[in-house]
Protein backbone atom coordinates (compact mmCIF):
# COMPACT_ATOMS: atom_id res chain seq x y z
CA MET A 1 14.03 -3.10 -41.55
CA SER A 2 12.45 -6.20 -43.02
CA ALA A 3 8.91 -7.35 -42.35
CA ILE A 4 10.26 -10.19 -40.18
CA GLY A 5 12.40 -7.67 -38.28
CA ASP A 6 9.35 -5.43 -37.82
CA ILE A 7 7.30 -8.36 -36.52
CA LYS A 8 10.07 -9.41 -34.13
CA PHE A 9 10.41 -5.84 -32.87
CA LEU A 10 6.64 -5.53 -32.43
CA ALA A 11 6.53 -8.86 -30.54
CA TRP A 12 9.41 -7.70 -28.32
CA ALA A 13 7.69 -4.36 -27.63
CA ILE A 14 4.39 -6.05 -26.74
CA ASP A 15 6.18 -8.47 -24.41
CA LYS A 16 8.00 -5.55 -22.80
CA LEU A 17 4.77 -3.62 -22.26
CA ALA A 18 3.04 -6.72 -20.91
CA SER A 19 5.85 -7.21 -18.40
CA TYR A 20 5.43 -3.62 -17.18
CA SER A 21 1.74 -4.28 -16.70
CA ASP A 22 2.51 -7.47 -14.76
CA LYS A 23 5.08 -5.64 -12.63
CA HIS A 24 2.50 -2.96 -11.87
CA LYS A 25 -0.05 -5.62 -10.93
CA VAL A 26 2.46 -7.30 -8.63
CA ARG A 27 3.22 -3.97 -6.95
CA VAL A 28 -0.45 -3.13 -6.54
CA ASN A 29 -1.14 -6.60 -5.16
CA GLU A 30 1.73 -6.29 -2.66
CA ALA A 31 0.46 -2.87 -1.59
CA ILE A 32 -3.09 -4.13 -1.11
CA SER A 33 -1.96 -7.22 0.79
CA SER A 34 0.26 -5.31 3.19
CA ILE A 35 -2.38 -2.63 3.80
CA GLN A 36 -5.00 -5.28 4.50
CA LYS A 37 -2.65 -7.06 6.91
CA ALA A 38 -1.92 -3.85 8.82
CA TRP A 39 -5.62 -2.97 8.83
CA THR A 40 -6.65 -6.40 10.17
CA HIS A 41 -4.04 -6.38 12.93
CA THR A 42 -5.00 -2.83 13.91
CA TYR A 43 -8.71 -3.62 13.93
CA ASN A 44 -8.18 -6.72 16.08
CA TYR A 45 -5.90 -4.82 18.43
CA LEU A 46 -8.37 -1.99 18.92
CA ARG A 47 -11.27 -4.39 19.37
CA ASN A 48 -9.37 -6.30 22.07
CA GLN A 49 -8.11 -3.10 23.77
CA ASP A 50 -11.52 -1.42 23.89
CA GLY A 51 -10.27 1.21 21.44
CA GLU A 52 -7.42 2.35 23.69
CA TYR A 53 -4.47 3.85 21.84
CA VAL A 54 -1.15 2.87 23.37
CA PRO A 55 2.22 2.62 21.62
CA ASN A 56 2.53 -0.60 19.63
CA GLN A 57 5.73 -1.41 17.75
CA GLU A 58 4.18 -4.33 15.83
CA LEU A 59 1.44 -2.13 14.40
CA SER A 60 3.98 0.56 13.58
CA ASN A 61 6.06 -2.01 11.69
CA LEU A 62 3.03 -3.29 9.77
CA TRP A 63 2.00 0.22 8.69
CA ASN A 64 5.60 1.00 7.76
CA GLU A 65 5.71 -2.12 5.58
CA ALA A 66 2.41 -1.11 3.97
CA SER A 67 3.88 2.31 3.26
CA ARG A 68 6.99 0.79 1.71
CA ASN A 69 4.96 -1.53 -0.53
CA THR A 70 2.67 1.31 -1.61
CA ARG A 71 5.39 3.85 -2.45
CA LEU A 72 5.75 2.77 -6.10
CA VAL A 73 1.99 2.60 -6.58
CA ASP A 74 0.72 5.75 -4.86
CA LYS A 75 3.19 8.13 -3.18
CA ASP A 76 0.52 10.16 -1.38
CA LEU A 77 -1.11 7.09 0.14
CA ALA A 78 2.35 5.78 1.12
CA ARG A 79 3.03 9.03 2.98
CA GLN A 80 -0.27 8.72 4.82
CA LEU A 81 0.51 5.13 5.78
CA LYS A 82 3.92 6.26 7.03
CA ASP A 83 2.14 8.80 9.24
CA LYS A 84 0.01 5.96 10.58
CA SER A 85 3.20 4.03 11.38
CA ARG A 86 4.54 7.02 13.32
CA PHE A 87 1.22 7.35 15.14
CA TRP A 88 1.57 3.83 16.58
CA ILE A 89 5.02 4.67 17.97
CA HIS A 90 3.66 7.72 19.84
CA PRO A 91 -0.15 7.86 19.66
CA ASP A 92 -0.37 10.60 22.27
CA LEU A 93 1.72 13.18 20.38
CA PRO A 94 -0.11 16.02 18.61
CA ARG A 95 -0.14 15.46 14.85
CA GLN A 96 0.47 17.95 12.07
CA ASN A 97 -1.09 15.59 9.53
CA ARG A 98 -4.44 13.95 10.01
CA ILE A 99 -4.10 10.18 10.41
CA LEU A 100 -6.24 8.02 8.12
CA LEU A 101 -9.11 6.24 9.83
CA LEU A 102 -9.49 2.49 9.30
CA LYS A 103 -12.68 3.02 7.27
CA GLU A 104 -10.78 5.44 4.99
CA ILE A 105 -8.09 2.82 4.48
CA VAL A 106 -10.74 0.38 3.26
CA ASP A 107 -11.76 2.99 0.69
CA GLU A 108 -8.12 3.36 -0.42
CA VAL A 109 -7.71 -0.40 -0.79
CA GLU A 110 -10.84 -0.55 -2.93
CA ARG A 111 -9.43 2.27 -5.07
CA LEU A 112 -6.16 0.34 -5.51
CA GLU A 113 -8.04 -2.83 -6.43
CA LYS A 114 -9.57 -0.94 -9.35
CA LYS A 115 -6.06 -0.60 -10.81
CA PHE A 116 -6.13 -4.29 -11.72
């Protein structure tokens, strides 16, 4: 391969790697944004309901969306967010998995932000 061919290949490879990095950043950003949205809605709901846990489809949908957006970034966190979504459908059912607390979710978001 000629020097020009090598340079073109190197430029292509760098562009390709940069696009993967940008895709990862977009995925992390989407995950963080959806988690923060679900967290904010849940916090406001609990504050206005005096901490009472009753089924709430909107919150379930928001946590499900957060789980979906997190799946390609962190599969374990996505599973935990999915559990949170199920919790809001039936908060009174006994759980096999411990549900993340809102303060723990803040810690997870901060951990994801470090991936930038």
